[in-house]
PDB file of N, CA and C in Angstrom:
ATOM      1  N   UNK A   1     179.179 204.004 145.289  1.00  0.00           N
ATOM      2  CA  UNK A   1     178.111 205.193 145.708  1.00  0.00           C
ATOM      3  C   UNK A   1     177.220 204.734 146.576  1.00  0.00           C
ATOM      4  N   UNK A   2     176.944 205.634 147.223  1.00  0.00           N
ATOM      5  CA  UNK A   2     176.355 205.248 148.482  1.00  0.00           C
ATOM      6  C   UNK A   2     174.430 205.508 148.036  1.00  0.00           C
ATOM      7  N   UNK A   3     173.256 204.558 148.562  1.00  0.00           N
ATOM      8  CA  UNK A   3     172.091 204.522 148.128  1.00  0.00           C
ATOM      9  C   UNK A   3     171.460 205.937 149.051  1.00  0.00           C
ATOM     10  N   UNK A   4     170.380 206.179 148.699  1.00  0.00           N
ATOM     11  CA  UNK A   4     169.495 207.036 149.357  1.00  0.00           C
ATOM     12  C   UNK A   4     169.473 206.842 150.427  1.00  0.00           C
ATOM     13  N   UNK A   5     169.259 205.513 151.375  1.00  0.00           N
ATOM     14  CA  UNK A   5     168.813 205.291 152.477  1.00  0.00           C
ATOM     15  C   UNK A   5     170.539 205.828 153.604  1.00  0.00           C
ATOM     16  N   UNK A   6     171.654 205.343 153.109  1.00  0.00           N
ATOM     17  CA  UNK A   6     172.863 205.910 153.873  1.00  0.00           C
ATOM     18  C   UNK A   6     173.027 207.255 153.493  1.00  0.00           C
ATOM     19  N   UNK A   7     172.413 208.176 152.390  1.00  0.00           N
ATOM     20  CA  UNK A   7     172.391 209.367 152.957  1.00  0.00           C
ATOM     21  C   UNK A   7     171.666 209.957 153.479  1.00  0.00           C
ATOM     22  N   UNK A   8     170.552 209.415 153.974  1.00  0.00           N
ATOM     23  CA  UNK A   8     169.509 210.144 154.932  1.00  0.00           C
ATOM     24  C   UNK A   8     170.239 209.319 156.215  1.00  0.00           C
ATOM     25  N   UNK A   9     170.870 208.712 156.482  1.00  0.00           N
ATOM     26  CA  UNK A   9     171.397 208.331 157.782  1.00  0.00           C
ATOM     27  C   UNK A   9     172.342 208.997 158.064  1.00  0.00           C
ATOM     28  N   UNK A  10     173.425 209.509 156.993  1.00  0.00           N
ATOM     29  CA  UNK A  10     174.398 210.610 157.311  1.00  0.00           C
ATOM     30  C   UNK A  10     173.968 211.753 157.702  1.00  0.00           C
ATOM     31  N   UNK A  11     172.824 212.350 157.442  1.00  0.00           N
ATOM     32  CA  UNK A  11     172.454 213.738 157.558  1.00  0.00           C
ATOM     33  C   UNK A  11     171.873 213.924 159.159  1.00  0.00           C
ATOM     34  N   UNK A  12     172.606 214.454 160.134  1.00  0.00           N
ATOM     35  CA  UNK A  12     172.411 214.879 161.555  1.00  0.00           C
ATOM     36  C   UNK A  12     171.684 215.925 161.763  1.00  0.00           C
ATOM     37  N   UNK A  13     170.838 216.083 162.767  1.00  0.00           N
ATOM     38  CA  UNK A  13     170.387 217.617 163.092  1.00  0.00           C
ATOM     39  C   UNK A  13     170.812 217.696 164.203  1.00  0.00           C
ATOM     40  N   UNK A  14     171.213 218.662 164.760  1.00  0.00           N
ATOM     41  CA  UNK A  14     171.683 219.288 166.252  1.00  0.00           C
ATOM     42  C   UNK A  14     171.364 220.410 166.503  1.00  0.00           C
ATOM     43  N   UNK A  15     170.570 220.127 167.837  1.00  0.00           N
ATOM     44  CA  UNK A  15     169.651 221.562 168.722  1.00  0.00           C
ATOM     45  C   UNK A  15     170.524 221.779 169.244  1.00  0.00           C
ATOM     46  N   UNK A  16     170.874 223.176 169.507  1.00  0.00           N
ATOM     47  CA  UNK A  16     171.467 224.113 170.138  1.00  0.00           C
ATOM     48  C   UNK A  16     170.611 225.238 171.040  1.00  0.00           C
ATOM     49  N   UNK A  17     170.735 225.492 172.484  1.00  0.00           N
ATOM     50  CA  UNK A  17     170.198 226.603 172.849  1.00  0.00           C
ATOM     51  C   UNK A  17     170.876 227.417 173.225  1.00  0.00           C
ATOM     52  N   UNK A  18     170.636 228.530 173.403  1.00  0.00           N
ATOM     53  CA  UNK A  18     170.939 230.012 173.778  1.00  0.00           C
ATOM     54  C   UNK A  18     170.182 230.269 175.086  1.00  0.00           C
ATOM     55  N   UNK A  19     170.539 230.460 176.382  1.00  0.00           N
ATOM     56  CA  UNK A  19     169.962 230.242 177.781  1.00  0.00           C
ATOM     57  C   UNK A  19     169.632 231.780 178.195  1.00  0.00           C
ATOM     58  N   UNK A  20     168.486 232.087 178.570  1.00  0.00           N
ATOM     59  CA  UNK A  20     168.176 233.485 179.177  1.00  0.00           C
ATOM     60  C   UNK A  20     169.362 233.664 179.877  1.00  0.00           C
ATOM     61  N   UNK A  21     170.063 235.272 179.730  1.00  0.00           N
ATOM     62  CA  UNK A  21     171.014 235.894 180.531  1.00  0.00           C
ATOM     63  C   UNK A  21     170.780 237.300 180.447  1.00  0.00           C
ATOM     64  N   UNK A  22     171.495 238.027 181.613  1.00  0.00           N
ATOM     65  CA  UNK A  22     171.200 239.311 181.429  1.00  0.00           C
ATOM     66  C   UNK A  22     172.058 240.054 180.374  1.00  0.00           C
ATOM     67  N   UNK A  23     172.776 239.497 180.217  1.00  0.00           N
ATOM     68  CA  UNK A  23     173.798 240.155 179.077  1.00  0.00           C
ATOM     69  C   UNK A  23     173.681 239.388 177.467  1.00  0.00           C
ATOM     70  N   UNK A  24     173.270 239.542 176.649  1.00  0.00           N
ATOM     71  CA  UNK A  24     173.582 238.830 175.528  1.00  0.00           C
ATOM     72  C   UNK A  24     174.706 238.244 175.272  1.00  0.00           C
ATOM     73  N   UNK A  25     175.670 238.976 175.390  1.00  0.00           N
ATOM     74  CA  UNK A  25     176.946 239.028 174.934  1.00  0.00           C
ATOM     75  C   UNK A  25     177.908 238.055 175.771  1.00  0.00           C
ATOM     76  N   UNK A  26     177.258 237.688 177.058  1.00  0.00           N
ATOM     77  CA  UNK A  26     178.113 236.708 177.918  1.00  0.00           C
ATOM     78  C   UNK A  26     177.354 235.243 177.492  1.00  0.00           C
ATOM     79  N   UNK A  27     176.251 235.204 176.704  1.00  0.00           N
ATOM     80  CA  UNK A  27     175.656 234.002 176.435  1.00  0.00           C
ATOM     81  C   UNK A  27     176.270 232.938 175.578  1.00  0.00           C
ATOM     82  N   UNK A  28     176.375 231.417 175.633  1.00  0.00           N
ATOM     83  CA  UNK A  28     176.938 230.700 175.349  1.00  0.00           C
ATOM     84  C   UNK A  28     176.312 229.650 174.714  1.00  0.00           C
ATOM     85  N   UNK A  29     176.189 229.350 173.325  1.00  0.00           N
ATOM     86  CA  UNK A  29     175.269 228.407 172.399  1.00  0.00           C
ATOM     87  C   UNK A  29     175.843 226.936 173.455  1.00  0.00           C
ATOM     88  N   UNK A  30     174.718 226.246 173.843  1.00  0.00           N
ATOM     89  CA  UNK A  30     174.680 224.426 174.194  1.00  0.00           C
ATOM     90  C   UNK A  30     174.402 223.650 173.154  1.00  0.00           C
ATOM     91  N   UNK A  31     174.752 222.859 173.312  1.00  0.00           N
ATOM     92  CA  UNK A  31     174.636 221.699 172.231  1.00  0.00           C
ATOM     93  C   UNK A  31     173.712 220.618 173.105  1.00  0.00           C
ATOM     94  N   UNK A  32     172.352 220.323 172.617  1.00  0.00           N
ATOM     95  CA  UNK A  32     171.534 219.543 173.556  1.00  0.00           C
ATOM     96  C   UNK A  32     171.592 218.355 172.838  1.00  0.00           C
ATOM     97  N   UNK A  33     171.322 217.959 171.908  1.00  0.00           N
ATOM     98  CA  UNK A  33     170.792 216.640 171.441  1.00  0.00           C
ATOM     99  C   UNK A  33     171.562 216.454 169.515  1.00  0.00           C
ATOM    100  N   UNK A  34     171.735 215.561 169.537  1.00  0.00           N
ATOM    101  CA  UNK A  34     171.951 215.232 167.786  1.00  0.00           C
ATOM    102  C   UNK A  34     171.029 214.418 167.442  1.00  0.00           C
ATOM    103  N   UNK A  35     170.050 214.251 166.534  1.00  0.00           N
ATOM    104  CA  UNK A  35     169.003 213.474 165.680  1.00  0.00           C
ATOM    105  C   UNK A  35     169.350 213.320 164.423  1.00  0.00           C
ATOM    106  N   UNK A  36     168.764 212.138 163.803  1.00  0.00           N
ATOM    107  CA  UNK A  36     168.999 211.989 162.626  1.00  0.00           C
ATOM    108  C   UNK A  36     167.487 211.900 161.857  1.00  0.00           C
ATOM    109  N   UNK A  37     166.425 212.605 162.331  1.00  0.00           N
ATOM    110  CA  UNK A  37     165.501 212.949 161.811  1.00  0.00           C
ATOM    111  C   UNK A  37     164.611 214.092 162.220  1.00  0.00           C
ATOM    112  N   UNK A  38     164.736 214.629 160.777  1.00  0.00           N
ATOM    113  CA  UNK A  38     164.127 216.067 160.859  1.00  0.00           C
ATOM    114  C   UNK A  38     163.053 216.579 161.747  1.00  0.00           C
ATOM    115  N   UNK A  39     161.921 215.792 161.677  1.00  0.00           N
ATOM    116  CA  UNK A  39     160.948 216.030 161.983  1.00  0.00           C
ATOM    117  C   UNK A  39     160.874 215.843 163.840  1.00  0.00           C
ATOM    118  N   UNK A  40     161.502 214.979 164.470  1.00  0.00           N
ATOM    119  CA  UNK A  40     161.621 214.526 165.565  1.00  0.00           C
ATOM    120  C   UNK A  40     162.405 216.245 166.173  1.00  0.00           C
ATOM    121  N   UNK A  41     163.467 216.594 165.262  1.00  0.00           N
ATOM    122  CA  UNK A  41     164.280 217.606 166.044  1.00  0.00           C
ATOM    123  C   UNK A  41     164.074 219.000 165.998  1.00  0.00           C
ATOM    124  N   UNK A  42     162.520 219.237 164.900  1.00  0.00           N
ATOM    125  CA  UNK A  42     162.016 220.043 164.636  1.00  0.00           C
ATOM    126  C   UNK A  42     161.141 220.351 166.396  1.00  0.00           C
ATOM    127  N   UNK A  43     160.615 219.268 166.277  1.00  0.00           N
ATOM    128  CA  UNK A  43     159.562 219.053 167.350  1.00  0.00           C
ATOM    129  C   UNK A  43     160.217 219.278 168.774  1.00  0.00           C
ATOM    130  N   UNK A  44     161.209 218.581 169.128  1.00  0.00           N
ATOM    131  CA  UNK A  44     162.327 218.861 170.358  1.00  0.00           C
ATOM    132  C   UNK A  44     162.629 220.314 170.273  1.00  0.00           C
ATOM    133  N   UNK A  45     162.755 221.040 169.723  1.00  0.00           N
ATOM    134  CA  UNK A  45     163.236 222.124 169.390  1.00  0.00           C
ATOM    135  C   UNK A  45     162.309 223.394 169.958  1.00  0.00           C
ATOM    136  N   UNK A  46     160.868 222.524 169.741  1.00  0.00           N
ATOM    137  CA  UNK A  46     159.491 223.732 169.866  1.00  0.00           C
ATOM    138  C   UNK A  46     159.363 223.426 171.215  1.00  0.00           C
ATOM    139  N   UNK A  47     159.677 222.293 171.931  1.00  0.00           N
ATOM    140  CA  UNK A  47     159.480 221.789 172.935  1.00  0.00           C
ATOM    141  C   UNK A  47     160.721 222.507 173.883  1.00  0.00           C
ATOM    142  N   UNK A  48     161.698 222.604 173.783  1.00  0.00           N
ATOM    143  CA  UNK A  48     162.641 223.501 174.242  1.00  0.00           C
ATOM    144  C   UNK A  48     162.252 224.853 174.320  1.00  0.00           C
ATOM    145  N   UNK A  49     162.184 225.588 173.600  1.00  0.00           N
ATOM    146  CA  UNK A  49     161.566 226.933 173.676  1.00  0.00           C
ATOM    147  C   UNK A  49     160.344 227.216 174.345  1.00  0.00           C
ATOM    148  N   UNK A  50     159.622 226.617 174.397  1.00  0.00           N
ATOM    149  CA  UNK A  50     158.351 226.630 175.001  1.00  0.00           C
ATOM    150  C   UNK A  50     158.555 226.368 176.600  1.00  0.00           C
ATOM    151  N   UNK A  51     160.156 225.560 176.966  1.00  0.00           N
ATOM    152  CA  UNK A  51     159.821 225.606 178.870  1.00  0.00           C
ATOM    153  C   UNK A  51     160.172 227.050 179.018  1.00  0.00           C
ATOM    154  N   UNK A  52     160.695 227.906 178.133  1.00  0.00           N
ATOM    155  CA  UNK A  52     161.073 229.385 178.736  1.00  0.00           C
ATOM    156  C   UNK A  52     162.390 229.585 179.334  1.00  0.00           C
ATOM    157  N   UNK A  53     162.993 228.406 179.285  1.00  0.00           N
ATOM    158  CA  UNK A  53     164.263 228.618 179.626  1.00  0.00           C
ATOM    159  C   UNK A  53     165.587 229.400 178.620  1.00  0.00           C
ATOM    160  N   UNK A  54     165.333 228.941 177.721  1.00  0.00           N
ATOM    161  CA  UNK A  54     166.132 229.546 176.311  1.00  0.00           C
ATOM    162  C   UNK A  54     165.366 230.664 175.520  1.00  0.00           C
ATOM    163  N   UNK A  55     166.208 231.416 174.984  1.00  0.00           N
ATOM    164  CA  UNK A  55     165.998 232.666 174.153  1.00  0.00           C
ATOM    165  C   UNK A  55     166.380 232.535 172.882  1.00  0.00           C
ATOM    166  N   UNK A  56     166.874 231.156 172.750  1.00  0.00           N
ATOM    167  CA  UNK A  56     166.917 231.062 171.323  1.00  0.00           C
ATOM    168  C   UNK A  56     166.865 229.521 171.132  1.00  0.00           C
ATOM    169  N   UNK A  57     166.508 228.822 169.944  1.00  0.00           N
ATOM    170  CA  UNK A  57     166.854 227.311 170.183  1.00  0.00           C
ATOM    171  C   UNK A  57     167.293 227.426 168.478  1.00  0.00           C
ATOM    172  N   UNK A  58     167.703 226.427 167.940  1.00  0.00           N
ATOM    173  CA  UNK A  58     168.832 226.620 166.598  1.00  0.00           C
ATOM    174  C   UNK A  58     168.857 225.072 166.423  1.00  0.00           C
ATOM    175  N   UNK A  59     168.181 224.666 165.040  1.00  0.00           N
ATOM    176  CA  UNK A  59     168.530 223.232 164.566  1.00  0.00           C
ATOM    177  C   UNK A  59     169.562 223.156 163.323  1.00  0.00           C
ATOM    178  N   UNK A  60     170.141 222.592 163.443  1.00  0.00           N
ATOM    179  CA  UNK A  60     171.386 222.644 162.357  1.00  0.00           C
ATOM    180  C   UNK A  60     171.514 221.280 161.951  1.00  0.00           C
ATOM    181  N   UNK A  61     171.470 221.606 160.316  1.00  0.00           N
ATOM    182  CA  UNK A  61     171.575 220.387 159.365  1.00  0.00           C
ATOM    183  C   UNK A  61     172.748 220.024 159.075  1.00  0.00           C
ATOM    184  N   UNK A  62     173.608 218.644 159.417  1.00  0.00           N
ATOM    185  CA  UNK A  62     174.788 218.564 158.600  1.00  0.00           C
ATOM    186  C   UNK A  62     174.867 217.522 157.763  1.00  0.00           C
ATOM    187  N   UNK A  63     175.481 217.335 156.924  1.00  0.00           N
ATOM    188  CA  UNK A  63     175.522 216.384 156.170  1.00  0.00           C
ATOM    189  C   UNK A  63     176.822 216.333 155.291  1.00  0.00           C
ATOM    190  N   UNK A  64     177.231 215.214 154.481  1.00  0.00           N
ATOM    191  CA  UNK A  64     178.429 215.024 153.467  1.00  0.00           C
ATOM    192  C   UNK A  64     177.861 215.383 152.013  1.00  0.00           C
ATOM    193  N   UNK A  65     178.592 216.286 151.523  1.00  0.00           N
ATOM    194  CA  UNK A  65     178.387 216.399 149.862  1.00  0.00           C
ATOM    195  C   UNK A  65     179.249 215.497 149.008  1.00  0.00           C
ATOM    196  N   UNK A  66     179.038 214.342 148.551  1.00  0.00           N
ATOM    197  CA  UNK A  66     179.623 213.416 148.155  1.00  0.00           C
ATOM    198  C   UNK A  66     180.504 214.120 146.797  1.00  0.00           C
ATOM    199  N   UNK A  67     179.334 214.978 146.023  1.00  0.00           N
ATOM    200  CA  UNK A  67     179.938 215.581 144.936  1.00  0.00           C
ATOM    201  C   UNK A  67     181.186 216.408 144.983  1.00  0.00           C
ATOM    202  N   UNK A  68     180.977 217.082 146.042  1.00  0.00           N
ATOM    203  CA  UNK A  68     182.320 218.559 146.291  1.00  0.00           C
ATOM    204  C   UNK A  68     183.077 217.479 147.456  1.00  0.00           C
ATOM    205  N   UNK A  69     182.741 216.313 147.772  1.00  0.00           N
ATOM    206  CA  UNK A  69     183.306 216.211 148.914  1.00  0.00           C
ATOM    207  C   UNK A  69     184.120 216.737 149.935  1.00  0.00           C
ATOM    208  N   UNK A  70     182.832 217.674 150.794  1.00  0.00           N
ATOM    209  CA  UNK A  70     182.642 218.037 151.857  1.00  0.00           C
ATOM    210  C   UNK A  70     181.800 217.931 152.698  1.00  0.00           C
ATOM    211  N   UNK A  71     181.852 218.824 154.071  1.00  0.00           N
ATOM    212  CA  UNK A  71     180.553 218.613 155.147  1.00  0.00           C
ATOM    213  C   UNK A  71     179.792 219.879 154.779  1.00  0.00           C
ATOM    214  N   UNK A  72     178.690 219.912 154.977  1.00  0.00           N
ATOM    215  CA  UNK A  72     177.825 220.943 155.232  1.00  0.00           C
ATOM    216  C   UNK A  72     177.261 220.980 156.296  1.00  0.00           C
ATOM    217  N   UNK A  73     177.341 222.091 156.655  1.00  0.00           N
ATOM    218  CA  UNK A  73     176.689 222.577 158.079  1.00  0.00           C
ATOM    219  C   UNK A  73     175.807 223.856 157.753  1.00  0.00           C
ATOM    220  N   UNK A  74     174.444 223.742 157.877  1.00  0.00           N
ATOM    221  CA  UNK A  74     173.854 224.798 157.782  1.00  0.00           C
ATOM    222  C   UNK A  74     172.473 224.837 158.708  1.00  0.00           C
ATOM    223  N   UNK A  75     172.115 226.161 159.083  1.00  0.00           N
ATOM    224  CA  UNK A  75     170.975 226.079 159.798  1.00  0.00           C
ATOM    225  C   UNK A  75     169.661 225.766 159.051  1.00  0.00           C
ATOM    226  N   UNK A  76     169.251 224.877 159.650  1.00  0.00           N
ATOM    227  CA  UNK A  76     167.428 224.672 159.599  1.00  0.00           C
ATOM    228  C   UNK A  76     166.492 226.048 159.874  1.00  0.00           C
ATOM    229  N   UNK A  77     166.659 225.811 160.794  1.00  0.00           N
ATOM    230  CA  UNK A  77     165.512 226.344 161.688  1.00  0.00           C
ATOM    231  C   UNK A  77     166.054 227.707 162.827  1.00  0.00           C
ATOM    232  N   UNK A  78     165.718 228.565 163.428  1.00  0.00           N
ATOM    233  CA  UNK A  78     166.319 229.178 164.311  1.00  0.00           C
ATOM    234  C   UNK A  78     164.816 229.667 164.967  1.00  0.00           C
ATOM    235  N   UNK A  79     164.896 229.093 165.876  1.00  0.00           N
ATOM    236  CA  UNK A  79     163.309 229.529 166.858  1.00  0.00           C
ATOM    237  C   UNK A  79     163.816 231.003 168.369  1.00  0.00           C
ATOM    238  N   UNK A  80     163.199 231.945 167.869  1.00  0.00           N
ATOM    239  CA  UNK A  80     163.299 232.737 169.272  1.00  0.00           C
ATOM    240  C   UNK A  80     162.030 233.091 169.991  1.00  0.00           C
ATOM    241  N   UNK A  81     162.465 232.994 171.156  1.00  0.00           N
ATOM    242  CA  UNK A  81     161.341 233.424 172.444  1.00  0.00           C
ATOM    243  C   UNK A  81     160.517 234.715 172.279  1.00  0.00           C
ATOM    244  N   UNK A  82     159.448 234.933 172.356  1.00  0.00           N
ATOM    245  CA  UNK A  82     158.797 236.275 172.338  1.00  0.00           C
ATOM    246  C   UNK A  82     158.721 237.057 171.074  1.00  0.00           C
ATOM    247  N   UNK A  83     159.255 236.018 169.937  1.00  0.00           N
ATOM    248  CA  UNK A  83     158.962 237.166 168.718  1.00  0.00           C
ATOM    249  C   UNK A  83     157.874 237.077 168.209  1.00  0.00           C
ATOM    250  N   UNK A  84     157.229 238.314 167.848  1.00  0.00           N
ATOM    251  CA  UNK A  84     155.971 238.459 167.661  1.00  0.00           C
ATOM    252  C   UNK A  84     155.761 239.033 166.229  1.00  0.00           C
ATOM    253  N   UNK A  85     154.711 238.624 165.704  1.00  0.00           N
ATOM    254  CA  UNK A  85     154.472 238.994 164.274  1.00  0.00           C
ATOM    255  C   UNK A  85     154.028 240.489 164.529  1.00  0.00           C
ATOM    256  N   UNK A  86     154.405 241.450 163.495  1.00  0.00           N
ATOM    257  CA  UNK A  86     154.628 243.093 163.664  1.00  0.00           C
ATOM    258  C   UNK A  86     153.031 243.337 163.574  1.00  0.00           C
ATOM    259  N   UNK A  87     152.479 244.533 164.113  1.00  0.00           N
ATOM    260  CA  UNK A  87     151.111 244.838 164.260  1.00  0.00           C
ATOM    261  C   UNK A  87     150.495 245.135 163.223  1.00  0.00           C
ATOM    262  N   UNK A  88     151.804 245.544 161.934  1.00  0.00           N
ATOM    263  CA  UNK A  88     151.005 245.744 160.389  1.00  0.00           C
ATOM    264  C   UNK A  88     150.474 244.861 159.699  1.00  0.00           C
ATOM    265  N   UNK A  89     150.894 243.177 159.888  1.00  0.00           N
ATOM    266  CA  UNK A  89     150.557 241.952 159.345  1.00  0.00           C
ATOM    267  C   UNK A  89     149.248 241.666 159.903  1.00  0.00           C
ATOM    268  N   UNK A  90     148.446 241.933 161.265  1.00  0.00           N
ATOM    269  CA  UNK A  90     147.719 241.690 161.478  1.00  0.00           C
ATOM    270  C   UNK A  90     146.762 242.995 161.210  1.00  0.00           C
ATOM    271  N   UNK A  91     146.919 243.979 161.145  1.00  0.00           N
ATOM    272  CA  UNK A  91     146.419 244.872 160.357  1.00  0.00           C
ATOM    273  C   UNK A  91     145.620 244.491 158.792  1.00  0.00           C
ATOM    274  N   UNK A  92     146.645 244.362 158.484  1.00  0.00           N
ATOM    275  CA  UNK A  92     146.613 243.780 157.013  1.00  0.00           C
ATOM    276  C   UNK A  92     145.340 242.815 156.860  1.00  0.00           C
ATOM    277  N   UNK A  93     146.015 241.994 157.795  1.00  0.00           N
ATOM    278  CA  UNK A  93     144.822 240.287 157.265  1.00  0.00           C
ATOM    279  C   UNK A  93     143.462 240.956 157.857  1.00  0.00           C
ATOM    280  N   UNK A  94     143.082 241.486 158.784  1.00  0.00           N
ATOM    281  CA  UNK A  94     141.693 242.255 159.406  1.00  0.00           C
ATOM    282  C   UNK A  94     141.239 243.050 158.257  1.00  0.00           C
ATOM    283  N   UNK A  95     141.938 243.881 157.786  1.00  0.00           N
ATOM    284  CA  UNK A  95     141.299 244.305 156.902  1.00  0.00           C
ATOM    285  C   UNK A  95     141.374 244.106 155.620  1.00  0.00           C
ATOM    286  N   UNK A  96     141.843 243.034 154.890  1.00  0.00           N
ATOM    287  CA  UNK A  96     141.737 242.283 154.015  1.00  0.00           C
ATOM    288  C   UNK A  96     140.318 241.363 154.011  1.00  0.00           C
ATOM    289  N   UNK A  97     140.056 240.991 155.262  1.00  0.00           N
ATOM    290  CA  UNK A  97     138.773 240.412 155.770  1.00  0.00           C
ATOM    291  C   UNK A  97     137.637 241.030 155.910  1.00  0.00           C
ATOM    292  N   UNK A  98     137.777 242.390 156.203  1.00  0.00           N
ATOM    293  CA  UNK A  98     136.702 243.264 156.077  1.00  0.00           C
ATOM    294  C   UNK A  98     135.975 243.704 154.836  1.00  0.00           C
ATOM    295  N   UNK A  99     137.196 243.973 153.806  1.00  0.00           N
ATOM    296  CA  UNK A  99     136.925 244.282 152.769  1.00  0.00           C
ATOM    297  C   UNK A  99     136.616 242.815 152.215  1.00  0.00           C
ATOM    298  N   UNK A 100     136.543 241.734 151.874  1.00  0.00           N
ATOM    299  CA  UNK A 100     136.083 240.480 151.380  1.00  0.00           C
ATOM    300  C   UNK A 100     134.491 240.325 152.375  1.00  0.00           C
ATOM    301  N   UNK A 101     134.037 240.599 153.098  1.00  0.00           N
ATOM    302  CA  UNK A 101     132.817 240.727 153.860  1.00  0.00           C
ATOM    303  C   UNK A 101     132.285 241.870 153.443  1.00  0.00           C
ATOM    304  N   UNK A 102     132.491 242.676 153.307  1.00  0.00           N
ATOM    305  CA  UNK A 102     132.007 243.406 152.715  1.00  0.00           C
ATOM    306  C   UNK A 102     131.864 243.608 151.228  1.00  0.00           C
ATOM    307  N   UNK A 103     132.855 243.186 150.449  1.00  0.00           N
ATOM    308  CA  UNK A 103     132.374 243.075 149.131  1.00  0.00           C
ATOM    309  C   UNK A 103     131.506 241.693 148.744  1.00  0.00           C
ATOM    310  N   UNK A 104     131.307 240.668 149.502  1.00  0.00           N
ATOM    311  CA  UNK A 104     130.151 239.928 149.667  1.00  0.00           C
ATOM    312  C   UNK A 104     128.885 240.398 149.844  1.00  0.00           C
ATOM    313  N   UNK A 105     128.701 241.087 151.082  1.00  0.00           N
ATOM    314  CA  UNK A 105     127.594 241.249 151.628  1.00  0.00           C
ATOM    315  C   UNK A 105     126.939 242.244 150.243  1.00  0.00           C
ATOM    316  N   UNK A 106     127.698 243.504 149.350  1.00  0.00           N
ATOM    317  CA  UNK A 106     127.355 244.040 148.862  1.00  0.00           C
ATOM    318  C   UNK A 106     126.716 243.380 147.283  1.00  0.00           C
ATOM    319  N   UNK A 107     127.301 242.500 146.973  1.00  0.00           N
ATOM    320  CA  UNK A 107     127.117 241.737 145.853  1.00  0.00           C
ATOM    321  C   UNK A 107     125.808 241.156 146.319  1.00  0.00           C
ATOM    322  N   UNK A 108     126.055 240.438 147.467  1.00  0.00           N
ATOM    323  CA  UNK A 108     124.456 239.510 147.737  1.00  0.00           C
ATOM    324  C   UNK A 108     123.348 240.443 147.648  1.00  0.00           C
ATOM    325  N   UNK A 109     123.482 241.943 148.440  1.00  0.00           N
ATOM    326  CA  UNK A 109     122.516 242.782 148.462  1.00  0.00           C
ATOM    327  C   UNK A 109     121.855 243.270 147.385  1.00  0.00           C
ATOM    328  N   UNK A 110     122.951 243.603 146.469  1.00  0.00           N
ATOM    329  CA  UNK A 110     122.662 244.382 145.212  1.00  0.00           C
ATOM    330  C   UNK A 110     121.724 242.976 144.276  1.00  0.00           C
ATOM    331  N   UNK A 111     122.356 242.183 144.202  1.00  0.00           N
ATOM    332  CA  UNK A 111     121.989 240.931 143.341  1.00  0.00           C
ATOM    333  C   UNK A 111     120.325 240.693 143.734  1.00  0.00           C
ATOM    334  N   UNK A 112     120.113 240.990 144.617  1.00  0.00           N
ATOM    335  CA  UNK A 112     118.283 240.701 145.247  1.00  0.00           C
ATOM    336  C   UNK A 112     117.391 241.444 144.720  1.00  0.00           C
TER     337      UNK A 112
END
């Protein structure tokens, strides 16, 4: 039976990119790098996305499941260029902040 260190080394993190093209249906995923350190793989994926050359960057985690005797290949993180939070989220955050400040001010002035 393999120990924890062997299992950690058996985990691979593959970085795949999807280049910007006019037609998304023509786009092909390209394998960029295979790493054994998750933090380095995620950092590299962020750097690749920041270059602006790719519309999507995906980090896949691959390992061998000894219990079920099979390889597991799963998407760890999918990064997309230009993906923004919806406006509703910002409105909610600002509204909650204003309500909190208002409640604090009301309590402060009524307590005096």
